[in-house]
Amino acid sequence: MGTRTGRHRAAIGAALALLAGLGTMAATASPAAAATGDVLVLQKGSTGNLVTLQTFLFLPGITEQSDGVQAGATQFAVTNLTNGTLTLTEKTPAGAVLHSDSIAAGRSGTFAVTGGDTVALTVPSD
Protein backbone atom coordinates (compact mmCIF):
# COMPACT_ATOMS: atom_id res chain seq x y z
CA MET A 1 0.00 0.00 0.00
CA GLY A 2 2.84 2.40 0.80
CA THR A 3 4.42 1.91 -2.65
CA ARG A 4 1.13 2.54 -4.40
CA THR A 5 0.50 5.72 -2.39
CA GLY A 6 4.04 6.92 -3.16
CA ARG A 7 3.53 6.39 -6.89
CA HIS A 8 0.19 8.18 -6.76
CA ARG A 9 1.74 11.16 -4.96
CA ALA A 10 4.63 11.24 -7.44
CA ALA A 11 2.19 11.25 -10.37
CA ILE A 12 0.18 14.07 -8.80
CA GLY A 13 3.37 16.02 -8.12
CA ALA A 14 4.49 15.62 -11.74
CA ALA A 15 1.10 16.79 -13.01
CA LEU A 16 1.15 19.82 -10.73
CA ALA A 17 4.69 20.71 -11.84
CA LEU A 18 3.60 20.52 -15.47
CA LEU A 19 0.59 22.75 -14.79
CA ALA A 20 2.79 25.24 -12.92
CA GLY A 21 5.10 25.36 -15.94
CA LEU A 22 2.14 26.10 -18.19
CA GLY A 23 1.52 29.30 -16.24
CA THR A 24 4.85 30.70 -17.42
CA MET A 25 4.03 30.27 -21.11
CA ALA A 26 2.09 32.71 -23.22
CA ALA A 27 -1.02 31.00 -24.56
CA THR A 28 -3.67 32.24 -26.92
CA ALA A 29 -7.08 30.66 -26.41
CA SER A 30 -9.42 30.06 -29.30
CA PRO A 31 -12.95 28.69 -29.40
CA ALA A 32 -11.89 26.19 -32.09
CA ALA A 33 -10.55 22.85 -30.91
CA ALA A 34 -6.79 22.60 -31.30
CA ALA A 35 -4.67 19.50 -31.75
CA THR A 36 -3.89 18.03 -28.36
CA GLY A 37 -0.58 16.63 -27.17
CA ASP A 38 2.90 17.53 -26.03
CA VAL A 39 5.69 19.35 -27.79
CA LEU A 40 9.22 18.81 -26.51
CA VAL A 41 11.55 21.77 -27.13
CA LEU A 42 15.34 21.68 -26.75
CA GLN A 43 17.31 24.87 -27.23
CA LYS A 44 20.90 24.06 -28.15
CA GLY A 45 24.03 26.13 -28.71
CA SER A 46 26.24 26.08 -31.80
CA THR A 47 28.33 23.21 -30.42
CA GLY A 48 25.23 21.15 -29.61
CA ASN A 49 25.30 21.94 -25.89
CA LEU A 50 21.89 21.97 -24.18
CA VAL A 51 20.72 25.46 -23.22
CA THR A 52 17.13 24.68 -22.11
CA LEU A 53 14.62 21.84 -22.17
CA GLN A 54 10.89 22.52 -22.06
CA THR A 55 7.64 20.71 -22.66
CA PHE A 56 4.62 22.51 -24.05
CA LEU A 57 1.21 20.94 -23.60
CA PHE A 58 -1.46 21.82 -26.15
CA LEU A 59 -5.01 21.39 -24.87
CA PRO A 60 -8.29 21.95 -26.71
CA GLY A 61 -8.77 25.70 -27.11
CA ILE A 62 -5.05 26.54 -27.03
CA THR A 63 -3.74 27.05 -30.54
CA GLU A 64 -0.52 29.00 -29.96
CA GLN A 65 2.24 29.17 -27.38
CA SER A 66 5.52 31.01 -27.54
CA ASP A 67 8.96 30.78 -26.05
CA GLY A 68 11.84 33.21 -25.98
CA VAL A 69 15.15 32.08 -27.46
CA GLN A 70 17.64 31.83 -24.62
CA ALA A 71 21.03 33.53 -24.73
CA GLY A 72 23.55 31.21 -26.38
CA ALA A 73 20.92 29.15 -28.21
CA THR A 74 21.26 28.78 -31.97
CA GLN A 75 18.92 25.81 -32.50
CA PHE A 76 15.34 25.10 -31.50
CA ALA A 77 14.90 21.31 -31.70
CA VAL A 78 11.25 20.24 -31.57
CA THR A 79 9.52 16.88 -31.17
CA ASN A 80 5.85 17.19 -32.12
CA LEU A 81 3.63 14.71 -30.28
CA THR A 82 0.40 16.51 -31.15
CA ASN A 83 -2.08 15.06 -33.62
CA GLY A 84 -1.56 17.90 -36.09
CA THR A 85 1.16 19.76 -37.94
CA LEU A 86 2.99 22.29 -35.79
CA THR A 87 4.09 25.62 -37.27
CA LEU A 88 7.11 27.42 -35.79
CA THR A 89 7.59 31.12 -36.49
CA GLU A 90 10.62 33.07 -35.30
CA LYS A 91 10.01 36.75 -34.59
CA THR A 92 12.37 39.53 -33.60
CA PRO A 93 11.69 41.56 -30.43
CA ALA A 94 10.07 44.16 -32.72
CA GLY A 95 7.67 41.50 -34.05
CA ALA A 96 9.16 41.06 -37.53
CA VAL A 97 8.86 37.49 -38.81
CA LEU A 98 12.27 36.06 -39.72
CA HIS A 99 11.18 32.66 -40.96
CA SER A 100 8.62 29.93 -40.45
CA ASP A 101 8.66 26.16 -40.77
CA SER A 102 6.35 23.25 -39.99
CA ILE A 103 6.80 19.88 -38.30
CA ALA A 104 4.32 17.09 -38.99
CA ALA A 105 2.54 15.20 -36.22
CA GLY A 106 4.82 12.63 -34.62
CA ARG A 107 7.96 14.08 -36.21
CA SER A 108 11.01 15.99 -34.99
CA GLY A 109 12.83 18.90 -36.55
CA THR A 110 15.48 21.54 -35.91
CA PHE A 111 14.86 25.23 -36.37
CA ALA A 112 17.78 27.74 -36.49
CA VAL A 113 17.20 30.68 -34.14
CA THR A 114 18.82 33.85 -32.81
CA GLY A 115 19.04 34.64 -29.08
CA GLY A 116 16.58 37.30 -27.93
CA ASP A 117 13.97 36.37 -30.55
CA THR A 118 10.70 34.58 -29.84
CA VAL A 119 9.43 31.38 -31.43
CA ALA A 120 5.66 30.91 -31.69
CA LEU A 121 4.43 27.31 -31.82
CA THR A 122 1.05 27.08 -33.51
CA VAL A 123 -1.18 24.07 -34.13
CA PRO A 124 -3.97 24.21 -36.70
CA SER A 125 -7.55 24.41 -35.46
CA ASP A 126 -9.80 21.72 -36.85
C-alpha atoms as a PDB file:
ATOM      1  CA  MET A   1       0.000   0.000   0.000  1.00  0.00           C
ATOM      2  CA  GLY A   2       2.844   2.398   0.802  1.00  0.00           C
ATOM      3  CA  THR A   3       4.420   1.909  -2.650  1.00  0.00           C
ATOM      4  CA  ARG A   4       1.129   2.538  -4.399  1.00  0.00           C
ATOM      5  CA  THR A   5       0.503   5.715  -2.392  1.00  0.00           C
ATOM      6  CA  GLY A   6       4.038   6.917  -3.163  1.00  0.00           C
ATOM      7  CA  ARG A   7       3.534   6.392  -6.886  1.00  0.00           C
ATOM      8  CA  HIS A   8       0.193   8.175  -6.760  1.00  0.00           C
ATOM      9  CA  ARG A   9       1.739  11.161  -4.963  1.00  0.00           C
ATOM     10  CA  ALA A  10       4.632  11.235  -7.442  1.00  0.00           C
ATOM     11  CA  ALA A  11       2.189  11.250 -10.368  1.00  0.00           C
ATOM     12  CA  ILE A  12       0.177  14.069  -8.800  1.00  0.00           C
ATOM     13  CA  GLY A  13       3.372  16.015  -8.120  1.00  0.00           C
ATOM     14  CA  ALA A  14       4.495  15.623 -11.740  1.00  0.00           C
ATOM     15  CA  ALA A  15       1.097  16.793 -13.012  1.00  0.00           C
ATOM     16  CA  LEU A  16       1.153  19.824 -10.728  1.00  0.00           C
ATOM     17  CA  ALA A  17       4.690  20.706 -11.841  1.00  0.00           C
ATOM     18  CA  LEU A  18       3.596  20.518 -15.475  1.00  0.00           C
ATOM     19  CA  LEU A  19       0.589  22.748 -14.793  1.00  0.00           C
ATOM     20  CA  ALA A  20       2.787  25.237 -12.920  1.00  0.00           C
ATOM     21  CA  GLY A  21       5.101  25.363 -15.937  1.00  0.00           C
ATOM     22  CA  LEU A  22       2.140  26.097 -18.186  1.00  0.00           C
ATOM     23  CA  GLY A  23       1.522  29.299 -16.242  1.00  0.00           C
ATOM     24  CA  THR A  24       4.855  30.697 -17.423  1.00  0.00           C
ATOM     25  CA  MET A  25       4.026  30.270 -21.106  1.00  0.00           C
ATOM     26  CA  ALA A  26       2.091  32.709 -23.222  1.00  0.00           C
ATOM     27  CA  ALA A  27      -1.016  31.003 -24.556  1.00  0.00           C
ATOM     28  CA  THR A  28      -3.674  32.236 -26.923  1.00  0.00           C
ATOM     29  CA  ALA A  29      -7.083  30.664 -26.407  1.00  0.00           C
ATOM     30  CA  SER A  30      -9.422  30.062 -29.305  1.00  0.00           C
ATOM     31  CA  PRO A  31     -12.947  28.688 -29.401  1.00  0.00           C
ATOM     32  CA  ALA A  32     -11.894  26.195 -32.086  1.00  0.00           C
ATOM     33  CA  ALA A  33     -10.547  22.852 -30.906  1.00  0.00           C
ATOM     34  CA  ALA A  34      -6.785  22.598 -31.303  1.00  0.00           C
ATOM     35  CA  ALA A  35      -4.673  19.504 -31.752  1.00  0.00           C
ATOM     36  CA  THR A  36      -3.887  18.034 -28.360  1.00  0.00           C
ATOM     37  CA  GLY A  37      -0.579  16.633 -27.175  1.00  0.00           C
ATOM     38  CA  ASP A  38       2.900  17.534 -26.032  1.00  0.00           C
ATOM     39  CA  VAL A  39       5.693  19.354 -27.792  1.00  0.00           C
ATOM     40  CA  LEU A  40       9.220  18.813 -26.507  1.00  0.00           C
ATOM     41  CA  VAL A  41      11.550  21.765 -27.127  1.00  0.00           C
ATOM     42  CA  LEU A  42      15.335  21.676 -26.753  1.00  0.00           C
ATOM     43  CA  GLN A  43      17.309  24.867 -27.226  1.00  0.00           C
ATOM     44  CA  LYS A  44      20.904  24.065 -28.147  1.00  0.00           C
ATOM     45  CA  GLY A  45      24.033  26.130 -28.706  1.00  0.00           C
ATOM     46  CA  SER A  46      26.243  26.078 -31.804  1.00  0.00           C
ATOM     47  CA  THR A  47      28.331  23.207 -30.421  1.00  0.00           C
ATOM     48  CA  GLY A  48      25.229  21.153 -29.606  1.00  0.00           C
ATOM     49  CA  ASN A  49      25.299  21.945 -25.892  1.00  0.00           C
ATOM     50  CA  LEU A  50      21.893  21.967 -24.180  1.00  0.00           C
ATOM     51  CA  VAL A  51      20.717  25.462 -23.224  1.00  0.00           C
ATOM     52  CA  THR A  52      17.128  24.683 -22.112  1.00  0.00           C
ATOM     53  CA  LEU A  53      14.624  21.845 -22.168  1.00  0.00           C
ATOM     54  CA  GLN A  54      10.886  22.523 -22.055  1.00  0.00           C
ATOM     55  CA  THR A  55       7.639  20.713 -22.659  1.00  0.00           C
ATOM     56  CA  PHE A  56       4.616  22.513 -24.052  1.00  0.00           C
ATOM     57  CA  LEU A  57       1.207  20.935 -23.601  1.00  0.00           C
ATOM     58  CA  PHE A  58      -1.459  21.823 -26.147  1.00  0.00           C
ATOM     59  CA  LEU A  59      -5.012  21.392 -24.868  1.00  0.00           C
ATOM     60  CA  PRO A  60      -8.295  21.950 -26.711  1.00  0.00           C
ATOM     61  CA  GLY A  61      -8.774  25.701 -27.110  1.00  0.00           C
ATOM     62  CA  ILE A  62      -5.047  26.535 -27.027  1.00  0.00           C
ATOM     63  CA  THR A  63      -3.736  27.049 -30.543  1.00  0.00           C
ATOM     64  CA  GLU A  64      -0.525  29.004 -29.961  1.00  0.00           C
ATOM     65  CA  GLN A  65       2.244  29.172 -27.384  1.00  0.00           C
ATOM     66  CA  SER A  66       5.520  31.013 -27.545  1.00  0.00           C
ATOM     67  CA  ASP A  67       8.964  30.779 -26.050  1.00  0.00           C
ATOM     68  CA  GLY A  68      11.845  33.215 -25.976  1.00  0.00           C
ATOM     69  CA  VAL A  69      15.148  32.083 -27.456  1.00  0.00           C
ATOM     70  CA  GLN A  70      17.639  31.829 -24.616  1.00  0.00           C
ATOM     71  CA  ALA A  71      21.030  33.530 -24.730  1.00  0.00           C
ATOM     72  CA  GLY A  72      23.551  31.213 -26.380  1.00  0.00           C
ATOM     73  CA  ALA A  73      20.923  29.155 -28.212  1.00  0.00           C
ATOM     74  CA  THR A  74      21.259  28.775 -31.970  1.00  0.00           C
ATOM     75  CA  GLN A  75      18.915  25.812 -32.499  1.00  0.00           C
ATOM     76  CA  PHE A  76      15.339  25.103 -31.495  1.00  0.00           C
ATOM     77  CA  ALA A  77      14.896  21.307 -31.698  1.00  0.00           C
ATOM     78  CA  VAL A  78      11.249  20.241 -31.566  1.00  0.00           C
ATOM     79  CA  THR A  79       9.520  16.878 -31.165  1.00  0.00           C
ATOM     80  CA  ASN A  80       5.846  17.192 -32.122  1.00  0.00           C
ATOM     81  CA  LEU A  81       3.629  14.706 -30.283  1.00  0.00           C
ATOM     82  CA  THR A  82       0.397  16.508 -31.149  1.00  0.00           C
ATOM     83  CA  ASN A  83      -2.083  15.056 -33.615  1.00  0.00           C
ATOM     84  CA  GLY A  84      -1.556  17.896 -36.091  1.00  0.00           C
ATOM     85  CA  THR A  85       1.161  19.759 -37.941  1.00  0.00           C
ATOM     86  CA  LEU A  86       2.990  22.290 -35.794  1.00  0.00           C
ATOM     87  CA  THR A  87       4.090  25.623 -37.267  1.00  0.00           C
ATOM     88  CA  LEU A  88       7.106  27.419 -35.795  1.00  0.00           C
ATOM     89  CA  THR A  89       7.588  31.120 -36.493  1.00  0.00           C
ATOM     90  CA  GLU A  90      10.621  33.072 -35.304  1.00  0.00           C
ATOM     91  CA  LYS A  91      10.009  36.748 -34.587  1.00  0.00           C
ATOM     92  CA  THR A  92      12.374  39.533 -33.600  1.00  0.00           C
ATOM     93  CA  PRO A  93      11.694  41.558 -30.428  1.00  0.00           C
ATOM     94  CA  ALA A  94      10.073  44.162 -32.719  1.00  0.00           C
ATOM     95  CA  GLY A  95       7.670  41.496 -34.045  1.00  0.00           C
ATOM     96  CA  ALA A  96       9.160  41.065 -37.525  1.00  0.00           C
ATOM     97  CA  VAL A  97       8.859  37.488 -38.813  1.00  0.00           C
ATOM     98  CA  LEU A  98      12.275  36.064 -39.720  1.00  0.00           C
ATOM     99  CA  HIS A  99      11.176  32.657 -40.962  1.00  0.00           C
ATOM    100  CA  SER A 100       8.617  29.934 -40.448  1.00  0.00           C
ATOM    101  CA  ASP A 101       8.659  26.160 -40.773  1.00  0.00           C
ATOM    102  CA  SER A 102       6.352  23.247 -39.991  1.00  0.00           C
ATOM    103  CA  ILE A 103       6.798  19.881 -38.302  1.00  0.00           C
ATOM    104  CA  ALA A 104       4.318  17.090 -38.993  1.00  0.00           C
ATOM    105  CA  ALA A 105       2.545  15.199 -36.222  1.00  0.00           C
ATOM    106  CA  GLY A 106       4.822  12.628 -34.622  1.00  0.00           C
ATOM    107  CA  ARG A 107       7.964  14.083 -36.209  1.00  0.00           C
ATOM    108  CA  SER A 108      11.008  15.990 -34.987  1.00  0.00           C
ATOM    109  CA  GLY A 109      12.831  18.900 -36.551  1.00  0.00           C
ATOM    110  CA  THR A 110      15.478  21.538 -35.910  1.00  0.00           C
ATOM    111  CA  PHE A 111      14.863  25.225 -36.366  1.00  0.00           C
ATOM    112  CA  ALA A 112      17.776  27.735 -36.486  1.00  0.00           C
ATOM    113  CA  VAL A 113      17.200  30.679 -34.140  1.00  0.00           C
ATOM    114  CA  THR A 114      18.820  33.848 -32.807  1.00  0.00           C
ATOM    115  CA  GLY A 115      19.039  34.638 -29.084  1.00  0.00           C
ATOM    116  CA  GLY A 116      16.584  37.301 -27.934  1.00  0.00           C
ATOM    117  CA  ASP A 117      13.974  36.374 -30.546  1.00  0.00           C
ATOM    118  CA  THR A 118      10.702  34.578 -29.836  1.00  0.00           C
ATOM    119  CA  VAL A 119       9.435  31.383 -31.426  1.00  0.00           C
ATOM    120  CA  ALA A 120       5.662  30.907 -31.687  1.00  0.00           C
ATOM    121  CA  LEU A 121       4.432  27.306 -31.823  1.00  0.00           C
ATOM    122  CA  THR A 122       1.049  27.076 -33.508  1.00  0.00           C
ATOM    123  CA  VAL A 123      -1.183  24.068 -34.128  1.00  0.00           C
ATOM    124  CA  PRO A 124      -3.972  24.206 -36.697  1.00  0.00           C
ATOM    125  CA  SER A 125      -7.545  24.411 -35.460  1.00  0.00           C
ATOM    126  CA  ASP A 126      -9.801  21.723 -36.853  1.00  0.00           C
END
